[in-house]
Amino acid sequence: MNFDIDYIGGLGGALFGIAAFPSVYKAVRTGSAVEVPALTIWLFWTACLTYFGWLFLKFGIQWPFFFGGVETVSWSVIAWYHYFPRGHRR
C-alpha cells in the first residue's frame, strides 16, 4: 500500500486546528468566554506559538502547519472574549 505520511500529519493538524471551534463558536455567539479558565487559554495559546513555531523553523513551510495558525487564531479569539466580554444581546 502506497500511503503518503503527510496525509496523517494533515489529518492530525486539521483535527487540532478545528478542536477549538466549538469554544470559538460559543464565545462569538454568547459574547463571552469567561467559563474557559484563563490558565487553559494561556497554556494552549503558548503551546501553539512555541510548537508550531518550532515546526516551522525545523521543517520550513509544510501544508499541515497551516492548521497551527488556525488553532492559534482560535485560541486568540477565545482569549479576547474571555478578557473583553461584550454585553448581553438584546
C-alpha atoms as a PDB file:
ATOM      1  CA  MET A   1       0.000   0.000   0.000  1.00  0.00           C
ATOM      2  CA  ASN A   2       1.434   3.348  -1.036  1.00  0.00           C
ATOM      3  CA  PHE A   3       0.296   5.877   1.558  1.00  0.00           C
ATOM      4  CA  ASP A   4       1.862   9.294   1.918  1.00  0.00           C
ATOM      5  CA  ILE A   5       2.614  10.005   5.593  1.00  0.00           C
ATOM      6  CA  ASP A   6       1.831  13.698   5.034  1.00  0.00           C
ATOM      7  CA  TYR A   7      -1.848  12.757   4.981  1.00  0.00           C
ATOM      8  CA  ILE A   8      -1.569  11.618   8.595  1.00  0.00           C
ATOM      9  CA  GLY A   9       0.066  14.940   9.509  1.00  0.00           C
ATOM     10  CA  GLY A  10      -2.608  16.803   7.593  1.00  0.00           C
ATOM     11  CA  LEU A  11      -5.405  14.940   9.346  1.00  0.00           C
ATOM     12  CA  GLY A  12      -3.854  15.491  12.778  1.00  0.00           C
ATOM     13  CA  GLY A  13      -3.234  19.152  12.020  1.00  0.00           C
ATOM     14  CA  ALA A  14      -6.800  19.621  10.813  1.00  0.00           C
ATOM     15  CA  LEU A  15      -8.207  17.988  13.950  1.00  0.00           C
ATOM     16  CA  PHE A  16      -6.055  20.193  16.188  1.00  0.00           C
ATOM     17  CA  GLY A  17      -6.991  23.215  14.115  1.00  0.00           C
ATOM     18  CA  ILE A  18     -10.721  22.654  14.481  1.00  0.00           C
ATOM     19  CA  ALA A  19     -10.619  21.403  18.087  1.00  0.00           C
ATOM     20  CA  ALA A  20     -11.234  24.884  19.475  1.00  0.00           C
ATOM     21  CA  PHE A  21     -14.066  25.735  17.037  1.00  0.00           C
ATOM     22  CA  PRO A  22     -16.899  24.776  19.424  1.00  0.00           C
ATOM     23  CA  SER A  23     -15.494  27.142  22.069  1.00  0.00           C
ATOM     24  CA  VAL A  24     -14.922  29.868  19.488  1.00  0.00           C
ATOM     25  CA  TYR A  25     -18.463  29.479  18.182  1.00  0.00           C
ATOM     26  CA  LYS A  26     -19.932  29.678  21.683  1.00  0.00           C
ATOM     27  CA  ALA A  27     -17.761  32.686  22.606  1.00  0.00           C
ATOM     28  CA  VAL A  28     -18.774  34.610  19.491  1.00  0.00           C
ATOM     29  CA  ARG A  29     -22.447  33.633  19.839  1.00  0.00           C
ATOM     30  CA  THR A  30     -22.724  34.491  23.542  1.00  0.00           C
ATOM     31  CA  GLY A  31     -20.141  37.280  23.588  1.00  0.00           C
ATOM     32  CA  SER A  32     -18.224  35.744  26.467  1.00  0.00           C
ATOM     33  CA  ALA A  33     -15.672  33.023  27.182  1.00  0.00           C
ATOM     34  CA  VAL A  34     -15.334  33.536  30.916  1.00  0.00           C
ATOM     35  CA  GLU A  35     -16.195  29.869  31.506  1.00  0.00           C
ATOM     36  CA  VAL A  36     -12.906  28.850  29.887  1.00  0.00           C
ATOM     37  CA  PRO A  37     -10.182  29.054  32.550  1.00  0.00           C
ATOM     38  CA  ALA A  38      -7.543  31.688  31.813  1.00  0.00           C
ATOM     39  CA  LEU A  39      -4.748  29.198  32.515  1.00  0.00           C
ATOM     40  CA  THR A  40      -6.151  26.850  29.875  1.00  0.00           C
ATOM     41  CA  ILE A  41      -6.261  29.666  27.332  1.00  0.00           C
ATOM     42  CA  TRP A  42      -2.690  30.735  28.059  1.00  0.00           C
ATOM     43  CA  LEU A  43      -1.336  27.163  28.040  1.00  0.00           C
ATOM     44  CA  PHE A  44      -2.920  26.322  24.686  1.00  0.00           C
ATOM     45  CA  TRP A  45      -2.001  29.676  23.132  1.00  0.00           C
ATOM     46  CA  THR A  46       1.629  29.440  24.283  1.00  0.00           C
ATOM     47  CA  ALA A  47       1.809  25.796  23.208  1.00  0.00           C
ATOM     48  CA  CYS A  48       0.533  26.732  19.747  1.00  0.00           C
ATOM     49  CA  LEU A  49       3.072  29.514  19.308  1.00  0.00           C
ATOM     50  CA  THR A  50       6.060  27.542  20.552  1.00  0.00           C
ATOM     51  CA  TYR A  51       5.257  24.180  18.987  1.00  0.00           C
ATOM     52  CA  PHE A  52       4.134  25.398  15.592  1.00  0.00           C
ATOM     53  CA  GLY A  53       6.928  27.969  15.586  1.00  0.00           C
ATOM     54  CA  TRP A  54       9.415  25.165  16.208  1.00  0.00           C
ATOM     55  CA  LEU A  55       7.873  23.034  13.447  1.00  0.00           C
ATOM     56  CA  PHE A  56       8.160  25.917  11.001  1.00  0.00           C
ATOM     57  CA  LEU A  57      11.773  26.660  11.945  1.00  0.00           C
ATOM     58  CA  LYS A  58      12.742  22.977  11.884  1.00  0.00           C
ATOM     59  CA  PHE A  59      10.942  21.851   8.716  1.00  0.00           C
ATOM     60  CA  GLY A  60      10.048  25.035   6.826  1.00  0.00           C
ATOM     61  CA  ILE A  61       6.645  25.675   5.342  1.00  0.00           C
ATOM     62  CA  GLN A  62       4.563  22.500   5.148  1.00  0.00           C
ATOM     63  CA  TRP A  63       0.844  22.425   4.394  1.00  0.00           C
ATOM     64  CA  PRO A  64      -0.168  20.612   7.643  1.00  0.00           C
ATOM     65  CA  PHE A  65       1.345  23.513   9.644  1.00  0.00           C
ATOM     66  CA  PHE A  66      -1.358  25.833   8.287  1.00  0.00           C
ATOM     67  CA  PHE A  67      -3.725  24.358  10.849  1.00  0.00           C
ATOM     68  CA  GLY A  68      -1.421  25.543  13.644  1.00  0.00           C
ATOM     69  CA  GLY A  69      -2.205  29.087  12.612  1.00  0.00           C
ATOM     70  CA  VAL A  70      -5.909  28.275  12.635  1.00  0.00           C
ATOM     71  CA  GLU A  71      -5.646  26.905  16.173  1.00  0.00           C
ATOM     72  CA  THR A  72      -3.593  29.877  17.365  1.00  0.00           C
ATOM     73  CA  VAL A  73      -6.147  32.324  15.962  1.00  0.00           C
ATOM     74  CA  SER A  74      -8.957  30.294  17.548  1.00  0.00           C
ATOM     75  CA  TRP A  75      -7.362  30.495  20.990  1.00  0.00           C
ATOM     76  CA  SER A  76      -6.731  34.201  20.434  1.00  0.00           C
ATOM     77  CA  VAL A  77     -10.462  34.731  19.804  1.00  0.00           C
ATOM     78  CA  ILE A  78     -11.324  32.760  22.939  1.00  0.00           C
ATOM     79  CA  ALA A  79      -8.843  34.868  24.937  1.00  0.00           C
ATOM     80  CA  TRP A  80     -10.372  38.068  23.543  1.00  0.00           C
ATOM     81  CA  TYR A  81     -13.873  37.097  24.625  1.00  0.00           C
ATOM     82  CA  HIS A  82     -12.549  35.884  27.981  1.00  0.00           C
ATOM     83  CA  TYR A  83     -10.943  39.211  28.831  1.00  0.00           C
ATOM     84  CA  PHE A  84     -13.290  41.508  26.894  1.00  0.00           C
ATOM     85  CA  PRO A  85     -16.797  40.006  27.055  1.00  0.00           C
ATOM     86  CA  ARG A  86     -19.479  42.068  25.401  1.00  0.00           C
ATOM     87  CA  GLY A  87     -22.815  42.949  26.995  1.00  0.00           C
ATOM     88  CA  HIS A  88     -25.914  40.839  26.820  1.00  0.00           C
ATOM     89  CA  ARG A  89     -27.618  40.597  23.464  1.00  0.00           C
ATOM     90  CA  ARG A  90     -30.935  42.349  23.074  1.00  0.00           C
END
